[in-house]
C-alpha atoms as a PDB file:
ATOM      1  CA  GLN A   1       5.878  18.250   8.990  1.00  0.00           C
ATOM      2  CA  VAL A   2       5.799  14.631   8.642  1.00  0.00           C
ATOM      3  CA  LEU A   3       9.107  12.203   9.277  1.00  0.00           C
ATOM      4  CA  LEU A   4       8.751   9.126   7.502  1.00  0.00           C
ATOM      5  CA  VAL A   5      11.189   6.733   8.055  1.00  0.00           C
ATOM      6  CA  GLU A   6      10.718   3.305   5.897  1.00  0.00           C
ATOM      7  CA  SER A   7      12.690   0.215   6.941  1.00  0.00           C
ATOM      8  CA  GLY A   8      12.643  -3.942   5.268  1.00  0.00           C
ATOM      9  CA  GLY A   9      14.258  -3.678   2.042  1.00  0.00           C
ATOM     10  CA  GLY A  10      16.635  -6.200   1.425  1.00  0.00           C
ATOM     11  CA  LEU A  11      18.132  -8.791  -0.666  1.00  0.00           C
ATOM     12  CA  VAL A  12      15.754 -11.534  -1.723  1.00  0.00           C
ATOM     13  CA  GLU A  13      15.374 -14.416  -4.400  1.00  0.00           C
ATOM     14  CA  PRO A  14      12.992 -15.026  -6.640  1.00  0.00           C
ATOM     15  CA  GLY A  15       9.462 -15.901  -5.441  1.00  0.00           C
ATOM     16  CA  GLY A  16      10.729 -15.400  -1.926  1.00  0.00           C
ATOM     17  CA  SER A  17       9.037 -12.057   0.401  1.00  0.00           C
ATOM     18  CA  LEU A  18       9.741  -9.360   2.156  1.00  0.00           C
ATOM     19  CA  ARG A  19       7.437  -6.911   4.428  1.00  0.00           C
ATOM     20  CA  LEU A  20       8.184  -3.391   4.003  1.00  0.00           C
ATOM     21  CA  SER A  21       6.917  -0.761   7.265  1.00  0.00           C
ATOM     22  CA  CYS A  22       6.852   2.779   7.411  1.00  0.00           C
ATOM     23  CA  ALA A  23       6.889   4.826  10.643  1.00  0.00           C
ATOM     24  CA  ALA A  24       5.537   8.238  10.415  1.00  0.00           C
ATOM     25  CA  SER A  25       5.890  11.322  13.111  1.00  0.00           C
ATOM     26  CA  GLY A  26       5.343  14.892  13.035  1.00  0.00           C
ATOM     27  CA  ASN A  27       2.243  16.818  12.745  1.00  0.00           C
ATOM     28  CA  LEU A  28       0.288  13.625  11.740  1.00  0.00           C
ATOM     29  CA  VAL A  29      -3.710  15.361  11.851  1.00  0.00           C
ATOM     30  CA  THR A  30      -2.134  16.721   8.372  1.00  0.00           C
ATOM     31  CA  ILE A  31      -1.940  13.293   6.800  1.00  0.00           C
ATOM     32  CA  GLY A  32      -4.893  10.828   6.013  1.00  0.00           C
ATOM     33  CA  ALA A  33      -3.891   8.406   2.776  1.00  0.00           C
ATOM     34  CA  MET A  34      -0.192   6.916   2.899  1.00  0.00           C
ATOM     35  CA  ALA A  35       1.372   5.053  -0.189  1.00  0.00           C
ATOM     36  CA  TRP A  36       4.736   2.875  -1.948  1.00  0.00           C
ATOM     37  CA  PHE A  37       6.274   3.928  -4.722  1.00  0.00           C
ATOM     38  CA  ARG A  38       8.943   2.633  -6.176  1.00  0.00           C
ATOM     39  CA  GLN A  39      11.935   3.840  -8.785  1.00  0.00           C
ATOM     40  CA  ALA A  40      14.262   1.443 -10.718  1.00  0.00           C
ATOM     41  CA  PRO A  41      17.775   2.784 -12.013  1.00  0.00           C
ATOM     42  CA  GLY A  42      16.888   5.228 -15.388  1.00  0.00           C
ATOM     43  CA  LYS A  43      12.826   4.742 -14.920  1.00  0.00           C
ATOM     44  CA  GLU A  44      10.223   7.123 -13.485  1.00  0.00           C
ATOM     45  CA  ARG A  45       8.924   6.948  -9.687  1.00  0.00           C
ATOM     46  CA  GLU A  46       5.953   4.411 -10.020  1.00  0.00           C
ATOM     47  CA  PHE A  47       2.860   3.543  -7.874  1.00  0.00           C
ATOM     48  CA  VAL A  48       3.095   0.671  -5.727  1.00  0.00           C
ATOM     49  CA  ALA A  49      -0.295   0.657  -3.578  1.00  0.00           C
ATOM     50  CA  ALA A  50      -2.169   3.006  -0.919  1.00  0.00           C
ATOM     51  CA  ILE A  51      -4.161   3.381   1.767  1.00  0.00           C
ATOM     52  CA  GLY A  52      -6.882   5.606   3.370  1.00  0.00           C
ATOM     53  CA  GLY A  53      -6.272   6.939   6.648  1.00  0.00           C
ATOM     54  CA  SER A  54      -8.663   4.283   8.761  1.00  0.00           C
ATOM     55  CA  GLY A  55      -7.173   1.344   6.120  1.00  0.00           C
ATOM     56  CA  SER A  56     -10.263   0.289   4.782  1.00  0.00           C
ATOM     57  CA  LEU A  57      -9.261   2.320   1.450  1.00  0.00           C
ATOM     58  CA  THR A  58      -6.932   0.750  -0.665  1.00  0.00           C
ATOM     59  CA  ASP A  59      -5.643   0.535  -4.060  1.00  0.00           C
ATOM     60  CA  TYR A  60      -2.728  -1.163  -6.017  1.00  0.00           C
ATOM     61  CA  SER A  61      -0.869  -0.917  -9.070  1.00  0.00           C
ATOM     62  CA  ASP A  62      -1.732  -3.629 -11.754  1.00  0.00           C
ATOM     63  CA  SER A  63       2.054  -5.394 -10.854  1.00  0.00           C
ATOM     64  CA  ALA A  64       1.167  -5.480  -7.140  1.00  0.00           C
ATOM     65  CA  LYS A  65      -2.697  -6.634  -7.271  1.00  0.00           C
ATOM     66  CA  GLY A  66      -2.827 -10.089  -5.915  1.00  0.00           C
ATOM     67  CA  ARG A  67       0.750 -10.413  -4.831  1.00  0.00           C
ATOM     68  CA  TRP A  68       0.982  -7.619  -2.365  1.00  0.00           C
ATOM     69  CA  THR A  69      -0.807  -6.220   0.378  1.00  0.00           C
ATOM     70  CA  ILE A  70      -0.845  -2.793   2.085  1.00  0.00           C
ATOM     71  CA  SER A  71      -1.583  -2.580   5.547  1.00  0.00           C
ATOM     72  CA  ARG A  72      -1.722   0.129   8.657  1.00  0.00           C
ATOM     73  CA  ASP A  73      -1.155   0.232  12.476  1.00  0.00           C
ATOM     74  CA  ASN A  74      -2.731   4.161  13.324  1.00  0.00           C
ATOM     75  CA  ALA A  75      -1.837   2.868  16.920  1.00  0.00           C
ATOM     76  CA  LYS A  76       1.697   2.629  15.789  1.00  0.00           C
ATOM     77  CA  ASN A  77       1.644   5.453  12.755  1.00  0.00           C
ATOM     78  CA  THR A  78       3.397   2.904  10.887  1.00  0.00           C
ATOM     79  CA  VAL A  79       2.262   1.363   7.241  1.00  0.00           C
ATOM     80  CA  TYR A  80       3.361  -1.648   5.971  1.00  0.00           C
ATOM     81  CA  LEU A  81       3.951  -3.681   2.154  1.00  0.00           C
ATOM     82  CA  LYS A  82       3.681  -6.884   2.521  1.00  0.00           C
ATOM     83  CA  MET A  83       5.238  -8.412  -1.056  1.00  0.00           C
ATOM     84  CA  THR A  84       5.502 -12.141  -1.681  1.00  0.00           C
ATOM     85  CA  SER A  85       6.298 -14.008  -4.993  1.00  0.00           C
ATOM     86  CA  LEU A  86       8.916 -11.063  -5.908  1.00  0.00           C
ATOM     87  CA  LYS A  87      10.611 -11.122  -9.236  1.00  0.00           C
ATOM     88  CA  PRO A  88      13.844  -9.721 -10.591  1.00  0.00           C
ATOM     89  CA  GLU A  89      12.145  -6.813 -12.000  1.00  0.00           C
ATOM     90  CA  ASP A  90      10.800  -5.981  -8.899  1.00  0.00           C
ATOM     91  CA  THR A  91      14.417  -4.892  -7.750  1.00  0.00           C
ATOM     92  CA  ALA A  92      13.832  -0.962  -6.976  1.00  0.00           C
ATOM     93  CA  VAL A  93      13.981   1.501  -4.358  1.00  0.00           C
ATOM     94  CA  TYR A  94      10.891   1.681  -2.236  1.00  0.00           C
ATOM     95  CA  TYR A  95       9.798   4.575  -0.767  1.00  0.00           C
ATOM     96  CA  CYS A  96       6.617   6.156   1.660  1.00  0.00           C
ATOM     97  CA  ALA A  97       4.577   8.758   0.973  1.00  0.00           C
ATOM     98  CA  ALA A  98       1.900  10.532   3.080  1.00  0.00           C
ATOM     99  CA  GLY A  99      -0.854  13.129   1.816  1.00  0.00           C
ATOM    100  CA  TYR A 100      -4.513  13.934   2.098  1.00  0.00           C
ATOM    101  CA  LEU A 101      -6.097  11.630  -0.586  1.00  0.00           C
ATOM    102  CA  ILE A 102      -5.110   7.895  -1.912  1.00  0.00           C
ATOM    103  CA  ARG A 103      -3.560   9.013  -5.688  1.00  0.00           C
ATOM    104  CA  ALA A 104      -1.367   7.206  -8.050  1.00  0.00           C
ATOM    105  CA  SER A 105       0.564  10.515  -8.670  1.00  0.00           C
ATOM    106  CA  PRO A 106       3.555  10.993  -6.762  1.00  0.00           C
ATOM    107  CA  GLY A 107       3.092  14.655  -7.192  1.00  0.00           C
ATOM    108  CA  LEU A 108      -0.184  14.596  -5.054  1.00  0.00           C
ATOM    109  CA  TYR A 109       1.601  13.029  -1.903  1.00  0.00           C
ATOM    110  CA  ASN A 110       3.378  15.880   0.436  1.00  0.00           C
ATOM    111  CA  TYR A 111       6.045  13.748   2.462  1.00  0.00           C
ATOM    112  CA  TRP A 112       8.149  11.161   1.873  1.00  0.00           C
ATOM    113  CA  GLY A 113      10.866   9.002   3.383  1.00  0.00           C
ATOM    114  CA  GLN A 114      14.317   8.246   1.758  1.00  0.00           C
ATOM    115  CA  GLY A 115      13.596   5.034   0.296  1.00  0.00           C
ATOM    116  CA  THR A 116      14.701   1.340   0.681  1.00  0.00           C
ATOM    117  CA  GLN A 117      16.360  -1.003  -1.373  1.00  0.00           C
ATOM    118  CA  VAL A 118      14.748  -4.330  -2.489  1.00  0.00           C
ATOM    119  CA  THR A 119      16.760  -6.331  -4.594  1.00  0.00           C
ATOM    120  CA  VAL A 120      15.253  -9.407  -6.428  1.00  0.00           C
ATOM    121  CA  SER A 121      17.888 -11.794  -7.394  1.00  0.00           C
ATOM    122  CA  SER A 122      19.576 -15.540  -7.062  1.00  0.00           C
END
């Protein structure tokens, strides 16, 4: 079993920045890729970014590309999402996920965190 705990969400003005963190614990040999998804009210959960086990491979959604950066510190078992140039439409609950390979489909990740709220508003 793997436990994922997100932190770093909050209220930020448009154009601002936030850094989300996801700390993993448990049987970490079963996971490689880690990812961020988000879900806004009334919408489906959507892929944001993913990173491979070594940190050398990454993938981003079109909305995240160029604005956000996913990274990981394997010594701390933590993955990060640095979000800049935030927009009101980025408002959502952001979830950390862990699986084996980088995939954009939420169904292919085995473990999920509880989510952290990000609200972008003036």
